[in-house]
Amino acid sequence: MLKYILFLFTSIIFIQSKAQWIDPEQKEMNADARKGVPGSFIQLSDGVTHYEKAGVAKQGVVVMVHGFSVPYFIWNGLFEQLVKQGFQVIRYDEFGRGYSDRLKQNYTSKVYSNQLKDLIKGLHINTPVNIIGVSFGGIVSTNFTLAHPQLVKKVILIDPASARNTVQGTVEETENFMGLNSDKRAESQLGDFVHPENFPNWIADYKVQMQYKGTRRALASTRFHYDTVNYLDRYKSLNTLKKPVLLIWGTEDHTVPFNYSDSIRAMLKVQFLPVPLAGHLPHLEKPEIVSKAVIEFLKK
């Protein structure tokens, strides 16, 4: 009788797991998937990159680097404001996100730096750019600046990633876990806001990329392979380049807590803007405050 009960219980759990395991990654990222998608596409050395470029470079060029998993729509609002202020502005989807290619190789810091270098070259940008990175994009921007200092004029870090994730298991196990919890992963993105009710389309917009094969692997691979160096050491290294740096941080950030800003400011000379009543994405929750500070910093 006990064996039968155990068998029945195991069967129920298995059936429930199967019911939950409806893999959202059913489509290939290819030319058909990109039909009618706003923005432009360019073939780079590692694959096709989705980007948007707007404005005339009266005030210079700005490149915007998104975070760990939200594609370039994370820059909505600030992108348009910078264009209006006379900047040529470029935002793009990092490989494995949005409508850029899903790669077969490991997602290392070199892959991300090469993508941005190739994009700048491919778009024939012949002047040093101002680079803005949010969250994980902060460390991507920092590593790019350290690798190619001649290509960067000023650096803006918004709630930047400040500690490398401690990961256990394997890439495959992490990828499978992400698959079993795909809806929760999408819903968790609202934790970046103090007032998520102000962003009713955020989850639906985020889920678009989750349809494409290789998205989970990109995220899992990035966790394991991006960088083995302490992120704070990379920020400290920016000092040697003596480039102007603006650090912006939402005081109510629970993704990368606000007190982490103390660690960065202790080792990196920056102009600092704390943004009250804003979470992990202060440029979206307090656009007037952040856009004003960014524009003033860039025009100095």
C-alpha atoms as a PDB file:
ATOM      1  CA  MET A   1       0.000   0.000   0.000  1.00  0.00           C
ATOM      2  CA  LEU A   2       2.830   2.385   0.938  1.00  0.00           C
ATOM      3  CA  LYS A   3       4.587   1.692  -2.372  1.00  0.00           C
ATOM      4  CA  TYR A   4       1.369   2.460  -4.243  1.00  0.00           C
ATOM      5  CA  ILE A   5       0.920   5.775  -2.402  1.00  0.00           C
ATOM      6  CA  LEU A   6       4.520   6.756  -3.101  1.00  0.00           C
ATOM      7  CA  PHE A   7       4.103   5.832  -6.767  1.00  0.00           C
ATOM      8  CA  LEU A   8       0.874   7.832  -6.997  1.00  0.00           C
ATOM      9  CA  PHE A   9       2.473  10.871  -5.294  1.00  0.00           C
ATOM     10  CA  THR A  10       5.516  10.722  -7.603  1.00  0.00           C
ATOM     11  CA  SER A  11       3.252  10.432 -10.649  1.00  0.00           C
ATOM     12  CA  ILE A  12       1.250  13.484  -9.623  1.00  0.00           C
ATOM     13  CA  ILE A  13       4.430  15.534  -9.114  1.00  0.00           C
ATOM     14  CA  PHE A  14       5.732  14.392 -12.503  1.00  0.00           C
ATOM     15  CA  ILE A  15       2.479  15.278 -14.256  1.00  0.00           C
ATOM     16  CA  GLN A  16       2.420  18.704 -12.598  1.00  0.00           C
ATOM     17  CA  SER A  17       6.044  19.311 -13.598  1.00  0.00           C
ATOM     18  CA  LYS A  18       5.256  18.323 -17.186  1.00  0.00           C
ATOM     19  CA  ALA A  19       2.282  20.664 -17.177  1.00  0.00           C
ATOM     20  CA  GLN A  20       4.446  23.525 -15.948  1.00  0.00           C
ATOM     21  CA  TRP A  21       7.199  22.734 -18.428  1.00  0.00           C
ATOM     22  CA  ILE A  22       5.827  24.420 -21.518  1.00  0.00           C
ATOM     23  CA  ASP A  23       9.001  25.688 -23.104  1.00  0.00           C
ATOM     24  CA  PRO A  24       8.410  29.232 -24.407  1.00  0.00           C
ATOM     25  CA  GLU A  25      11.459  28.997 -26.686  1.00  0.00           C
ATOM     26  CA  GLN A  26       9.752  27.700 -29.814  1.00  0.00           C
ATOM     27  CA  LYS A  27      11.046  30.097 -32.479  1.00  0.00           C
ATOM     28  CA  GLU A  28      14.346  30.691 -34.256  1.00  0.00           C
ATOM     29  CA  MET A  29      15.926  34.134 -34.253  1.00  0.00           C
ATOM     30  CA  ASN A  30      16.335  34.785 -37.958  1.00  0.00           C
ATOM     31  CA  ALA A  31      15.317  37.126 -40.776  1.00  0.00           C
ATOM     32  CA  ASP A  32      11.682  36.037 -40.552  1.00  0.00           C
ATOM     33  CA  ALA A  33      11.554  36.813 -36.827  1.00  0.00           C
ATOM     34  CA  ARG A  34      12.926  40.275 -37.540  1.00  0.00           C
ATOM     35  CA  LYS A  35      10.412  41.256 -40.218  1.00  0.00           C
ATOM     36  CA  GLY A  36       8.608  44.452 -39.253  1.00  0.00           C
ATOM     37  CA  VAL A  37      10.691  44.960 -36.107  1.00  0.00           C
ATOM     38  CA  PRO A  38      11.538  48.631 -35.416  1.00  0.00           C
ATOM     39  CA  GLY A  39      15.192  49.565 -35.565  1.00  0.00           C
ATOM     40  CA  SER A  40      17.954  48.284 -37.822  1.00  0.00           C
ATOM     41  CA  PHE A  41      20.198  45.243 -38.129  1.00  0.00           C
ATOM     42  CA  ILE A  42      23.891  44.870 -38.852  1.00  0.00           C
ATOM     43  CA  GLN A  43      26.077  41.815 -39.420  1.00  0.00           C
ATOM     44  CA  LEU A  44      29.023  41.900 -37.025  1.00  0.00           C
ATOM     45  CA  SER A  45      31.887  39.440 -36.622  1.00  0.00           C
ATOM     46  CA  ASP A  46      30.003  37.253 -34.111  1.00  0.00           C
ATOM     47  CA  GLY A  47      26.483  37.663 -35.471  1.00  0.00           C
ATOM     48  CA  VAL A  48      23.599  39.971 -36.334  1.00  0.00           C
ATOM     49  CA  THR A  49      22.947  42.854 -33.937  1.00  0.00           C
ATOM     50  CA  HIS A  50      19.674  44.744 -33.557  1.00  0.00           C
ATOM     51  CA  TYR A  51      20.175  48.463 -32.949  1.00  0.00           C
ATOM     52  CA  GLU A  52      18.594  51.892 -33.275  1.00  0.00           C
ATOM     53  CA  LYS A  53      20.482  55.037 -34.242  1.00  0.00           C
ATOM     54  CA  ALA A  54      18.885  58.488 -34.249  1.00  0.00           C
ATOM     55  CA  GLY A  55      19.882  62.133 -34.153  1.00  0.00           C
ATOM     56  CA  VAL A  56      22.713  64.244 -35.496  1.00  0.00           C
ATOM     57  CA  ALA A  57      25.965  64.434 -33.539  1.00  0.00           C
ATOM     58  CA  LYS A  58      25.950  68.173 -32.811  1.00  0.00           C
ATOM     59  CA  GLN A  59      26.662  67.447 -29.150  1.00  0.00           C
ATOM     60  CA  GLY A  60      28.481  64.166 -29.691  1.00  0.00           C
ATOM     61  CA  VAL A  61      27.623  60.469 -29.828  1.00  0.00           C
ATOM     62  CA  VAL A  62      26.032  58.450 -27.015  1.00  0.00           C
ATOM     63  CA  VAL A  63      25.948  54.650 -26.885  1.00  0.00           C
ATOM     64  CA  MET A  64      23.485  53.039 -24.469  1.00  0.00           C
ATOM     65  CA  VAL A  65      24.196  49.576 -23.002  1.00  0.00           C
ATOM     66  CA  HIS A  66      21.265  47.739 -21.419  1.00  0.00           C
ATOM     67  CA  GLY A  67      21.339  45.406 -18.427  1.00  0.00           C
ATOM     68  CA  PHE A  68      21.495  41.654 -17.919  1.00  0.00           C
ATOM     69  CA  SER A  69      18.304  40.585 -19.629  1.00  0.00           C
ATOM     70  CA  VAL A  70      15.996  43.495 -20.575  1.00  0.00           C
ATOM     71  CA  PRO A  71      16.678  44.498 -24.215  1.00  0.00           C
ATOM     72  CA  TYR A  72      17.157  48.012 -25.527  1.00  0.00           C
ATOM     73  CA  PHE A  73      13.604  49.126 -24.800  1.00  0.00           C
ATOM     74  CA  ILE A  74      14.950  49.708 -21.278  1.00  0.00           C
ATOM     75  CA  TRP A  75      16.230  53.043 -22.667  1.00  0.00           C
ATOM     76  CA  ASN A  76      12.824  54.323 -23.808  1.00  0.00           C
ATOM     77  CA  GLY A  77      12.467  57.967 -22.848  1.00  0.00           C
ATOM     78  CA  LEU A  78      16.091  58.833 -22.174  1.00  0.00           C
ATOM     79  CA  PHE A  79      16.982  57.798 -25.734  1.00  0.00           C
ATOM     80  CA  GLU A  80      14.490  60.270 -27.193  1.00  0.00           C
ATOM     81  CA  GLN A  81      15.482  63.038 -24.780  1.00  0.00           C
ATOM     82  CA  LEU A  82      19.138  62.813 -25.794  1.00  0.00           C
ATOM     83  CA  VAL A  83      18.219  62.932 -29.476  1.00  0.00           C
ATOM     84  CA  LYS A  84      16.210  66.115 -28.854  1.00  0.00           C
ATOM     85  CA  GLN A  85      19.242  67.659 -27.147  1.00  0.00           C
ATOM     86  CA  GLY A  86      21.436  67.297 -30.236  1.00  0.00           C
ATOM     87  CA  PHE A  87      23.155  63.982 -29.612  1.00  0.00           C
ATOM     88  CA  GLN A  88      23.434  61.104 -32.015  1.00  0.00           C
ATOM     89  CA  VAL A  89      22.237  58.175 -29.910  1.00  0.00           C
ATOM     90  CA  ILE A  90      22.737  54.453 -30.439  1.00  0.00           C
ATOM     91  CA  ARG A  91      21.127  51.689 -28.437  1.00  0.00           C
ATOM     92  CA  TYR A  92      21.409  47.987 -29.223  1.00  0.00           C
ATOM     93  CA  ASP A  93      20.473  44.499 -28.055  1.00  0.00           C
ATOM     94  CA  GLU A  94      23.378  42.566 -26.638  1.00  0.00           C
ATOM     95  CA  PHE A  95      23.846  39.095 -28.092  1.00  0.00           C
ATOM     96  CA  GLY A  96      21.319  36.633 -26.695  1.00  0.00           C
ATOM     97  CA  ARG A  97      18.783  39.392 -25.960  1.00  0.00           C
ATOM     98  CA  GLY A  98      16.028  41.122 -27.887  1.00  0.00           C
ATOM     99  CA  TYR A  99      16.402  40.618 -31.638  1.00  0.00           C
ATOM    100  CA  SER A 100      20.158  40.103 -31.739  1.00  0.00           C
ATOM    101  CA  ASP A 101      21.597  36.673 -32.558  1.00  0.00           C
ATOM    102  CA  ARG A 102      21.801  33.861 -30.043  1.00  0.00           C
ATOM    103  CA  LEU A 103      25.403  32.640 -30.100  1.00  0.00           C
ATOM    104  CA  LYS A 104      26.725  29.099 -29.864  1.00  0.00           C
ATOM    105  CA  GLN A 105      29.859  30.232 -28.005  1.00  0.00           C
ATOM    106  CA  ASN A 106      30.241  31.203 -24.359  1.00  0.00           C
ATOM    107  CA  TYR A 107      29.088  34.703 -23.430  1.00  0.00           C
ATOM    108  CA  THR A 108      32.338  36.174 -22.105  1.00  0.00           C
ATOM    109  CA  SER A 109      33.341  39.783 -21.454  1.00  0.00           C
ATOM    110  CA  LYS A 110      35.347  39.644 -24.687  1.00  0.00           C
ATOM    111  CA  VAL A 111      32.212  38.767 -26.677  1.00  0.00           C
ATOM    112  CA  TYR A 112      30.371  41.796 -25.270  1.00  0.00           C
ATOM    113  CA  SER A 113      33.304  44.167 -25.803  1.00  0.00           C
ATOM    114  CA  ASN A 114      33.839  42.918 -29.350  1.00  0.00           C
ATOM    115  CA  GLN A 115      30.156  43.381 -30.158  1.00  0.00           C
ATOM    116  CA  LEU A 116      30.252  47.021 -29.114  1.00  0.00           C
ATOM    117  CA  LYS A 117      33.595  47.677 -30.828  1.00  0.00           C
ATOM    118  CA  ASP A 118      32.332  46.094 -34.060  1.00  0.00           C
ATOM    119  CA  LEU A 119      29.078  48.059 -33.847  1.00  0.00           C
ATOM    120  CA  ILE A 120      30.899  51.389 -33.499  1.00  0.00           C
ATOM    121  CA  LYS A 121      33.177  50.489 -36.380  1.00  0.00           C
ATOM    122  CA  GLY A 122      30.332  49.142 -38.522  1.00  0.00           C
ATOM    123  CA  LEU A 123      28.326  52.344 -38.053  1.00  0.00           C
ATOM    124  CA  HIS A 124      31.395  54.406 -39.035  1.00  0.00           C
ATOM    125  CA  ILE A 125      31.550  56.334 -35.762  1.00  0.00           C
ATOM    126  CA  ASN A 126      34.893  58.131 -36.016  1.00  0.00           C
ATOM    127  CA  THR A 127      34.804  60.100 -32.781  1.00  0.00           C
ATOM    128  CA  PRO A 128      35.052  58.907 -29.160  1.00  0.00           C
ATOM    129  CA  VAL A 129      31.597  58.063 -27.793  1.00  0.00           C
ATOM    130  CA  ASN A 130      29.924  58.758 -24.486  1.00  0.00           C
ATOM    131  CA  ILE A 131      28.831  55.442 -23.008  1.00  0.00           C
ATOM    132  CA  ILE A 132      25.882  54.851 -20.659  1.00  0.00           C
ATOM    133  CA  GLY A 133      25.425  51.497 -18.950  1.00  0.00           C
ATOM    134  CA  VAL A 134      22.631  50.421 -16.623  1.00  0.00           C
ATOM    135  CA  SER A 135      22.894  47.507 -14.176  1.00  0.00           C
ATOM    136  CA  PHE A 136      24.922  44.733 -15.885  1.00  0.00           C
ATOM    137  CA  GLY A 137      25.472  47.254 -18.675  1.00  0.00           C
ATOM    138  CA  GLY A 138      27.555  49.209 -16.171  1.00  0.00           C
ATOM    139  CA  ILE A 139      30.236  46.524 -15.977  1.00  0.00           C
ATOM    140  CA  VAL A 140      29.995  45.913 -19.744  1.00  0.00           C
ATOM    141  CA  SER A 141      30.573  49.642 -20.325  1.00  0.00           C
ATOM    142  CA  THR A 142      33.438  49.699 -17.835  1.00  0.00           C
ATOM    143  CA  ASN A 143      35.193  46.694 -19.359  1.00  0.00           C
ATOM    144  CA  PHE A 144      34.740  48.151 -22.837  1.00  0.00           C
ATOM    145  CA  THR A 145      36.230  51.462 -21.737  1.00  0.00           C
ATOM    146  CA  LEU A 146      39.203  49.728 -20.157  1.00  0.00           C
ATOM    147  CA  ALA A 147      39.768  47.630 -23.285  1.00  0.00           C
ATOM    148  CA  HIS A 148      39.288  50.497 -25.760  1.00  0.00           C
ATOM    149  CA  PRO A 149      39.944  53.791 -23.934  1.00  0.00           C
ATOM    150  CA  GLN A 150      40.555  55.639 -27.188  1.00  0.00           C
ATOM    151  CA  LEU A 151      36.939  54.996 -28.206  1.00  0.00           C
ATOM    152  CA  VAL A 152      35.327  56.487 -25.087  1.00  0.00           C
ATOM    153  CA  LYS A 153      34.987  60.117 -23.972  1.00  0.00           C
ATOM    154  CA  LYS A 154      32.744  60.008 -20.870  1.00  0.00           C
ATOM    155  CA  VAL A 155      31.159  57.216 -18.824  1.00  0.00           C
ATOM    156  CA  ILE A 156      27.743  57.144 -17.127  1.00  0.00           C
ATOM    157  CA  LEU A 157      26.896  54.276 -14.766  1.00  0.00           C
ATOM    158  CA  ILE A 158      23.289  53.802 -13.635  1.00  0.00           C
ATOM    159  CA  ASP A 159      22.823  51.390 -10.699  1.00  0.00           C
ATOM    160  CA  PRO A 160      25.721  49.310 -12.047  1.00  0.00           C
ATOM    161  CA  ALA A 161      26.291  45.657 -11.228  1.00  0.00           C
ATOM    162  CA  SER A 162      28.679  45.726  -8.296  1.00  0.00           C
ATOM    163  CA  ALA A 163      29.409  42.121  -7.431  1.00  0.00           C
ATOM    164  CA  ARG A 164      29.843  39.069  -9.593  1.00  0.00           C
ATOM    165  CA  ASN A 165      27.104  36.505  -8.997  1.00  0.00           C
ATOM    166  CA  THR A 166      28.119  33.372  -7.121  1.00  0.00           C
ATOM    167  CA  VAL A 167      26.904  30.491  -9.256  1.00  0.00           C
ATOM    168  CA  GLN A 168      26.652  26.802  -8.512  1.00  0.00           C
ATOM    169  CA  GLY A 169      26.011  23.748 -10.624  1.00  0.00           C
ATOM    170  CA  THR A 170      26.371  23.918 -14.408  1.00  0.00           C
ATOM    171  CA  VAL A 171      25.203  26.146 -17.243  1.00  0.00           C
ATOM    172  CA  GLU A 172      22.787  23.413 -18.313  1.00  0.00           C
ATOM    173  CA  GLU A 173      21.257  23.119 -14.829  1.00  0.00           C
ATOM    174  CA  THR A 174      20.857  26.888 -14.608  1.00  0.00           C
ATOM    175  CA  GLU A 175      19.266  26.975 -18.047  1.00  0.00           C
ATOM    176  CA  ASN A 176      16.802  24.227 -17.118  1.00  0.00           C
ATOM    177  CA  PHE A 177      15.879  25.986 -13.884  1.00  0.00           C
ATOM    178  CA  MET A 178      15.194  29.185 -15.845  1.00  0.00           C
ATOM    179  CA  GLY A 179      12.941  27.188 -18.157  1.00  0.00           C
ATOM    180  CA  LEU A 180      10.891  25.710 -15.328  1.00  0.00           C
ATOM    181  CA  ASN A 181      10.451  29.172 -13.829  1.00  0.00           C
ATOM    182  CA  SER A 182      10.110  31.280 -16.972  1.00  0.00           C
ATOM    183  CA  ASP A 183       6.921  33.086 -15.933  1.00  0.00           C
ATOM    184  CA  LYS A 184       8.331  33.902 -12.508  1.00  0.00           C
ATOM    185  CA  ARG A 185      11.515  35.142 -14.136  1.00  0.00           C
ATOM    186  CA  ALA A 186       9.520  37.534 -16.297  1.00  0.00           C
ATOM    187  CA  GLU A 187       7.355  38.703 -13.405  1.00  0.00           C
ATOM    188  CA  SER A 188      10.406  39.257 -11.219  1.00  0.00           C
ATOM    189  CA  GLN A 189      11.492  42.083 -13.530  1.00  0.00           C
ATOM    190  CA  LEU A 190       8.890  44.284 -11.851  1.00  0.00           C
ATOM    191  CA  GLY A 191      11.011  44.143  -8.702  1.00  0.00           C
ATOM    192  CA  ASP A 192      13.259  46.741 -10.335  1.00  0.00           C
ATOM    193  CA  PHE A 193      10.572  49.391  -9.746  1.00  0.00           C
ATOM    194  CA  VAL A 194       9.253  51.156  -6.674  1.00  0.00           C
ATOM    195  CA  HIS A 195       5.932  51.573  -8.484  1.00  0.00           C
ATOM    196  CA  PRO A 196       5.569  48.683 -10.962  1.00  0.00           C
ATOM    197  CA  GLU A 197       1.959  49.686 -11.605  1.00  0.00           C
ATOM    198  CA  ASN A 198       3.336  52.552 -13.697  1.00  0.00           C
ATOM    199  CA  PHE A 199       4.776  50.023 -16.157  1.00  0.00           C
ATOM    200  CA  PRO A 200       1.816  47.805 -17.106  1.00  0.00           C
ATOM    201  CA  ASN A 201       3.374  46.507 -20.341  1.00  0.00           C
ATOM    202  CA  TRP A 202       6.779  45.655 -18.904  1.00  0.00           C
ATOM    203  CA  ILE A 203       6.256  41.902 -18.486  1.00  0.00           C
ATOM    204  CA  ALA A 204       4.614  41.477 -21.893  1.00  0.00           C
ATOM    205  CA  ASP A 205       7.442  43.396 -23.581  1.00  0.00           C
ATOM    206  CA  TYR A 206      10.021  41.326 -21.715  1.00  0.00           C
ATOM    207  CA  LYS A 207       8.408  38.036 -22.711  1.00  0.00           C
ATOM    208  CA  VAL A 208       8.771  38.717 -26.443  1.00  0.00           C
ATOM    209  CA  GLN A 209      12.430  37.671 -26.444  1.00  0.00           C
ATOM    210  CA  MET A 210      11.640  34.567 -24.396  1.00  0.00           C
ATOM    211  CA  GLN A 211      10.040  32.970 -27.478  1.00  0.00           C
ATOM    212  CA  TYR A 212      13.397  32.508 -29.173  1.00  0.00           C
ATOM    213  CA  LYS A 213      15.679  29.524 -28.807  1.00  0.00           C
ATOM    214  CA  GLY A 214      18.955  30.244 -27.087  1.00  0.00           C
ATOM    215  CA  THR A 215      17.731  33.054 -24.844  1.00  0.00           C
ATOM    216  CA  ARG A 216      17.959  31.057 -21.613  1.00  0.00           C
ATOM    217  CA  ARG A 217      21.323  29.675 -22.594  1.00  0.00           C
ATOM    218  CA  ALA A 218      22.601  33.222 -23.196  1.00  0.00           C
ATOM    219  CA  LEU A 219      21.562  34.284 -19.697  1.00  0.00           C
ATOM    220  CA  ALA A 220      22.923  31.135 -18.054  1.00  0.00           C
ATOM    221  CA  SER A 221      26.212  31.323 -19.962  1.00  0.00           C
ATOM    222  CA  THR A 222      26.642  34.976 -19.028  1.00  0.00           C
ATOM    223  CA  ARG A 223      26.260  34.112 -15.347  1.00  0.00           C
ATOM    224  CA  PHE A 224      29.013  31.508 -15.596  1.00  0.00           C
ATOM    225  CA  HIS A 225      31.385  32.938 -18.181  1.00  0.00           C
ATOM    226  CA  TYR A 226      31.146  36.731 -18.244  1.00  0.00           C
ATOM    227  CA  ASP A 227      33.987  37.732 -15.931  1.00  0.00           C
ATOM    228  CA  THR A 228      36.047  36.115 -13.197  1.00  0.00           C
ATOM    229  CA  VAL A 229      37.469  39.458 -12.010  1.00  0.00           C
ATOM    230  CA  ASN A 230      35.854  41.308  -9.111  1.00  0.00           C
ATOM    231  CA  TYR A 231      33.632  44.028 -10.570  1.00  0.00           C
ATOM    232  CA  LEU A 232      34.760  46.608  -8.009  1.00  0.00           C
ATOM    233  CA  ASP A 233      38.351  46.161  -9.155  1.00  0.00           C
ATOM    234  CA  ARG A 234      37.251  46.987 -12.700  1.00  0.00           C
ATOM    235  CA  TYR A 235      35.578  50.207 -11.581  1.00  0.00           C
ATOM    236  CA  LYS A 236      38.698  51.116  -9.624  1.00  0.00           C
ATOM    237  CA  SER A 237      40.762  50.661 -12.779  1.00  0.00           C
ATOM    238  CA  LEU A 238      38.753  53.407 -14.498  1.00  0.00           C
ATOM    239  CA  ASN A 239      40.662  55.901 -12.355  1.00  0.00           C
ATOM    240  CA  THR A 240      43.804  55.262 -14.366  1.00  0.00           C
ATOM    241  CA  LEU A 241      42.088  56.567 -17.512  1.00  0.00           C
ATOM    242  CA  LYS A 242      41.061  59.864 -15.876  1.00  0.00           C
ATOM    243  CA  LYS A 243      37.763  59.992 -17.777  1.00  0.00           C
ATOM    244  CA  PRO A 244      34.748  61.881 -16.400  1.00  0.00           C
ATOM    245  CA  VAL A 245      32.325  59.461 -14.730  1.00  0.00           C
ATOM    246  CA  LEU A 246      28.740  60.128 -13.628  1.00  0.00           C
ATOM    247  CA  LEU A 247      27.294  57.618 -11.154  1.00  0.00           C
ATOM    248  CA  ILE A 248      23.496  57.549 -10.765  1.00  0.00           C
ATOM    249  CA  TRP A 249      21.682  55.366  -8.216  1.00  0.00           C
ATOM    250  CA  GLY A 250      18.080  54.925  -7.117  1.00  0.00           C
ATOM    251  CA  THR A 251      17.892  55.173  -3.338  1.00  0.00           C
ATOM    252  CA  GLU A 252      15.238  52.422  -3.204  1.00  0.00           C
ATOM    253  CA  ASP A 253      17.110  49.946  -5.399  1.00  0.00           C
ATOM    254  CA  HIS A 254      16.693  46.396  -4.066  1.00  0.00           C
ATOM    255  CA  THR A 255      18.311  44.688  -7.065  1.00  0.00           C
ATOM    256  CA  VAL A 256      21.708  46.322  -6.539  1.00  0.00           C
ATOM    257  CA  PRO A 257      21.207  48.004  -3.144  1.00  0.00           C
ATOM    258  CA  PHE A 258      21.902  51.715  -2.838  1.00  0.00           C
ATOM    259  CA  ASN A 259      24.632  51.221  -0.208  1.00  0.00           C
ATOM    260  CA  TYR A 260      26.747  49.503  -2.879  1.00  0.00           C
ATOM    261  CA  SER A 261      27.284  52.990  -4.276  1.00  0.00           C
ATOM    262  CA  ASP A 262      29.500  53.686  -1.255  1.00  0.00           C
ATOM    263  CA  SER A 263      31.916  50.954  -2.344  1.00  0.00           C
ATOM    264  CA  ILE A 264      32.251  52.360  -5.851  1.00  0.00           C
ATOM    265  CA  ARG A 265      32.623  55.956  -4.690  1.00  0.00           C
ATOM    266  CA  ALA A 266      35.311  54.874  -2.232  1.00  0.00           C
ATOM    267  CA  MET A 267      37.538  53.708  -5.071  1.00  0.00           C
ATOM    268  CA  LEU A 268      36.413  55.637  -8.170  1.00  0.00           C
ATOM    269  CA  LYS A 269      36.290  59.392  -8.621  1.00  0.00           C
ATOM    270  CA  VAL A 270      32.766  60.181  -9.821  1.00  0.00           C
ATOM    271  CA  GLN A 271      30.093  62.833  -9.966  1.00  0.00           C
ATOM    272  CA  PHE A 272      27.291  61.247  -7.923  1.00  0.00           C
ATOM    273  CA  LEU A 273      23.522  61.580  -8.260  1.00  0.00           C
ATOM    274  CA  PRO A 274      21.318  59.713  -5.760  1.00  0.00           C
ATOM    275  CA  VAL A 275      17.743  59.554  -7.050  1.00  0.00           C
ATOM    276  CA  PRO A 276      15.130  59.570  -4.247  1.00  0.00           C
ATOM    277  CA  LEU A 277      12.099  57.256  -4.446  1.00  0.00           C
ATOM    278  CA  ALA A 278      13.522  55.364  -7.435  1.00  0.00           C
ATOM    279  CA  GLY A 279      14.447  51.704  -7.713  1.00  0.00           C
ATOM    280  CA  HIS A 280      16.906  49.922  -9.985  1.00  0.00           C
ATOM    281  CA  LEU A 281      15.932  51.891 -13.095  1.00  0.00           C
ATOM    282  CA  PRO A 282      15.828  55.538 -11.960  1.00  0.00           C
ATOM    283  CA  HIS A 283      15.943  56.873 -15.529  1.00  0.00           C
ATOM    284  CA  LEU A 284      12.491  55.334 -16.020  1.00  0.00           C
ATOM    285  CA  GLU A 285      10.940  56.161 -12.643  1.00  0.00           C
ATOM    286  CA  LYS A 286      12.377  59.679 -12.326  1.00  0.00           C
ATOM    287  CA  PRO A 287      13.073  60.657 -15.948  1.00  0.00           C
ATOM    288  CA  GLU A 288      13.127  64.423 -15.358  1.00  0.00           C
ATOM    289  CA  ILE A 289      15.819  64.201 -12.680  1.00  0.00           C
ATOM    290  CA  VAL A 290      18.001  61.698 -14.503  1.00  0.00           C
ATOM    291  CA  SER A 291      17.757  63.152 -18.025  1.00  0.00           C
ATOM    292  CA  LYS A 292      18.618  66.630 -16.722  1.00  0.00           C
ATOM    293  CA  ALA A 293      21.714  65.342 -14.934  1.00  0.00           C
ATOM    294  CA  VAL A 294      22.826  63.211 -17.889  1.00  0.00           C
ATOM    295  CA  ILE A 295      22.449  66.053 -20.397  1.00  0.00           C
ATOM    296  CA  GLU A 296      24.285  68.548 -18.189  1.00  0.00           C
ATOM    297  CA  PHE A 297      27.116  66.074 -17.613  1.00  0.00           C
ATOM    298  CA  LEU A 298      27.492  65.289 -21.310  1.00  0.00           C
ATOM    299  CA  LYS A 299      27.407  68.947 -22.383  1.00  0.00           C
ATOM    300  CA  LYS A 300      30.081  70.099 -19.924  1.00  0.00           C
END
